[in-house]
Amino acid sequence: MTMTATDALRNPVPSASKGLRRDRTIYWTTTALVSAVMVFSIVSFTFLDHVPFPEGGFVHLGLPRYFRTELTIAKALGVLALLIPGIPTKVKEFAYFGFAITLVSASFAHFSTGDARISILFVADPLMFLGLLSVSYFYFNKSRASLSHERR
């Protein structure tokens, strides 16, 4: 099937290129949202730790004080790993895995302390962001596969 000049004017971008653009848009949107959530959580438990729990979120969840520092550093490095182009794939995958563990652990921690009685969102929010993280990871791998296929 040949493309006429009229067809080219109506649809100047080949469909494969449109799909790649759509995939990249989904990837960057979900990655930006997950990164924003991680940055918000860093700010929240660093500067606003006593909201909504007067004793502090980490104390409320029964976590040691030093863990806040570890989590802050790990989340900051993970956000950088996901957002900076050219970071090795293994490092990005490590960041995805670390964020997945963090989100599942947050949901379990809030559930086990009874925070679902206050609001189910304490338990559900981390799982919703785990879903976004999964979409980001799916499109990260899909774009990698597309790039390696284009290079052949």
Protein backbone atom coordinates (compact mmCIF):
# COMPACT_ATOMS: atom_id res chain seq x y z
CA MET A 1 0.00 0.00 0.00
CA THR A 2 1.47 3.33 -1.02
CA MET A 3 0.88 6.65 0.64
CA THR A 4 -0.38 9.49 -1.52
CA ALA A 5 0.59 13.13 -1.00
CA THR A 6 -2.87 13.85 0.37
CA ASP A 7 -2.52 11.04 2.92
CA ALA A 8 0.87 12.40 3.98
CA LEU A 9 -0.62 15.85 4.55
CA ARG A 10 -3.50 14.48 6.59
CA ASN A 11 -1.32 12.19 8.65
CA PRO A 12 2.27 13.48 8.55
CA VAL A 13 3.48 11.34 11.45
CA PRO A 14 3.61 7.58 10.90
CA SER A 15 1.45 5.61 13.33
CA ALA A 16 4.48 3.95 14.94
CA SER A 17 5.87 7.37 15.78
CA LYS A 18 2.52 8.43 17.27
CA GLY A 19 2.51 5.32 19.44
CA LEU A 20 6.04 6.01 20.60
CA ARG A 21 5.12 9.60 21.45
CA ARG A 22 2.05 8.40 23.37
CA ASP A 23 4.15 5.84 25.26
CA ARG A 24 6.75 8.47 26.18
CA THR A 25 4.01 10.83 27.35
CA ILE A 26 2.51 8.13 29.57
CA TYR A 27 5.97 7.21 30.88
CA TRP A 28 7.00 10.78 31.74
CA THR A 29 3.59 11.68 33.20
CA THR A 30 3.48 8.69 35.54
CA THR A 31 7.17 9.04 36.42
CA ALA A 32 6.69 12.73 37.22
CA LEU A 33 3.67 11.96 39.41
CA VAL A 34 5.50 9.25 41.34
CA SER A 35 8.52 11.52 41.74
CA ALA A 36 6.31 14.37 42.96
CA VAL A 37 4.76 12.05 45.55
CA MET A 38 8.18 10.98 46.75
CA VAL A 39 9.38 14.60 46.99
CA PHE A 40 6.17 15.53 48.82
CA SER A 41 6.70 12.69 51.28
CA ILE A 42 10.29 13.82 51.88
CA VAL A 43 9.11 17.36 52.62
CA SER A 44 6.18 16.09 54.65
CA PHE A 45 8.09 13.86 57.03
CA THR A 46 11.08 16.18 57.21
CA PHE A 47 9.32 19.48 57.88
CA LEU A 48 5.71 18.58 58.68
CA ASP A 49 6.19 15.37 60.65
CA HIS A 50 3.63 16.32 63.32
CA VAL A 51 0.79 16.50 60.75
CA PRO A 52 -1.62 14.67 61.16
CA PHE A 53 -0.10 12.79 64.11
CA PRO A 54 0.93 15.05 67.05
CA GLU A 55 3.67 12.65 68.16
CA GLY A 56 5.10 12.57 64.64
CA GLY A 57 4.49 10.13 61.82
CA PHE A 58 7.55 8.00 62.41
CA VAL A 59 6.85 7.69 66.15
CA HIS A 60 3.19 6.93 65.38
CA LEU A 61 4.20 4.12 63.02
CA GLY A 62 6.74 2.75 65.51
CA LEU A 63 9.74 3.46 63.28
CA PRO A 64 13.15 4.43 64.66
CA ARG A 65 14.23 8.08 64.31
CA TYR A 66 17.27 7.24 62.16
CA PHE A 67 15.02 5.62 59.56
CA ARG A 68 13.72 9.06 58.53
CA THR A 69 17.23 10.06 57.42
CA GLU A 70 17.75 6.80 55.53
CA LEU A 71 14.40 7.08 53.81
CA THR A 72 14.97 10.72 52.89
CA ILE A 73 18.31 9.96 51.26
CA ALA A 74 17.02 6.84 49.49
CA LYS A 75 13.95 8.64 48.12
CA ALA A 76 15.99 11.63 46.94
CA LEU A 77 18.46 9.35 45.15
CA GLY A 78 15.59 7.33 43.68
CA VAL A 79 13.88 10.43 42.31
CA LEU A 80 17.14 11.57 40.74
CA ALA A 81 17.69 8.11 39.25
CA LEU A 82 14.26 8.11 37.61
CA LEU A 83 14.35 11.68 36.31
CA ILE A 84 17.90 12.08 35.04
CA PRO A 85 18.35 10.73 31.51
CA GLY A 86 21.38 8.54 30.92
CA ILE A 87 21.34 6.87 34.33
CA PRO A 88 22.11 3.15 33.82
CA THR A 89 19.09 0.88 33.51
CA LYS A 90 20.06 -1.24 36.53
CA VAL A 91 20.14 1.87 38.74
CA LYS A 92 16.68 2.93 37.51
CA GLU A 93 15.35 -0.58 38.14
CA PHE A 94 16.81 -0.49 41.64
CA ALA A 95 14.97 2.82 42.25
CA TYR A 96 11.70 1.31 40.99
CA PHE A 97 12.14 -1.67 43.30
CA GLY A 98 12.99 0.54 46.27
CA PHE A 99 9.94 2.72 45.69
CA ALA A 100 7.72 -0.35 45.37
CA ILE A 101 8.98 -1.69 48.72
CA THR A 102 8.50 1.75 50.29
CA LEU A 103 4.90 2.06 49.06
CA VAL A 104 3.89 -1.45 50.10
CA SER A 105 5.57 -0.95 53.47
CA ALA A 106 3.78 2.37 54.00
CA SER A 107 0.44 0.75 53.32
CA PHE A 108 1.19 -2.13 55.73
CA ALA A 109 2.50 0.24 58.41
CA HIS A 110 -0.62 2.41 58.31
CA PHE A 111 -2.88 -0.63 58.25
CA SER A 112 -1.12 -2.29 61.18
CA THR A 113 -1.36 0.83 63.36
CA GLY A 114 -5.10 1.14 62.72
CA ASP A 115 -4.93 4.28 60.61
CA ALA A 116 -7.62 2.88 58.29
CA ARG A 117 -10.10 3.67 61.07
CA ILE A 118 -9.12 7.34 60.73
CA SER A 119 -9.16 7.27 56.93
CA ILE A 120 -8.85 4.41 54.46
CA LEU A 121 -6.68 6.73 52.36
CA PHE A 122 -3.74 6.10 54.71
CA VAL A 123 -3.74 2.53 53.43
CA ALA A 124 -5.06 3.05 49.90
CA ASP A 125 -2.93 6.03 48.79
CA PRO A 126 0.40 4.17 48.79
CA LEU A 127 -1.23 1.34 46.81
CA MET A 128 -2.64 3.78 44.24
CA PHE A 129 0.83 5.25 43.79
CA LEU A 130 2.21 1.72 43.50
CA GLY A 131 -0.16 1.34 40.54
CA LEU A 132 1.25 4.53 38.98
CA LEU A 133 4.77 3.28 39.65
CA SER A 134 3.89 0.03 37.87
CA VAL A 135 2.61 1.92 34.83
CA SER A 136 5.80 4.00 34.78
CA TYR A 137 7.93 0.86 34.99
CA PHE A 138 5.93 -0.85 32.23
CA TYR A 139 6.44 2.09 29.86
CA PHE A 140 10.09 2.43 30.92
CA ASN A 141 10.67 -1.14 29.73
CA LYS A 142 8.52 -0.63 26.65
CA SER A 143 10.51 2.44 25.61
CA ARG A 144 13.79 0.60 26.21
CA ALA A 145 12.57 -2.23 23.98
CA SER A 146 11.54 0.27 21.29
CA LEU A 147 14.92 1.99 21.39
CA SER A 148 16.84 -1.27 21.12
CA HIS A 149 14.57 -2.34 18.24
CA GLU A 150 15.19 0.96 16.41
CA ARG A 151 18.98 0.55 16.74
CA ARG A 152 18.92 -2.81 14.94
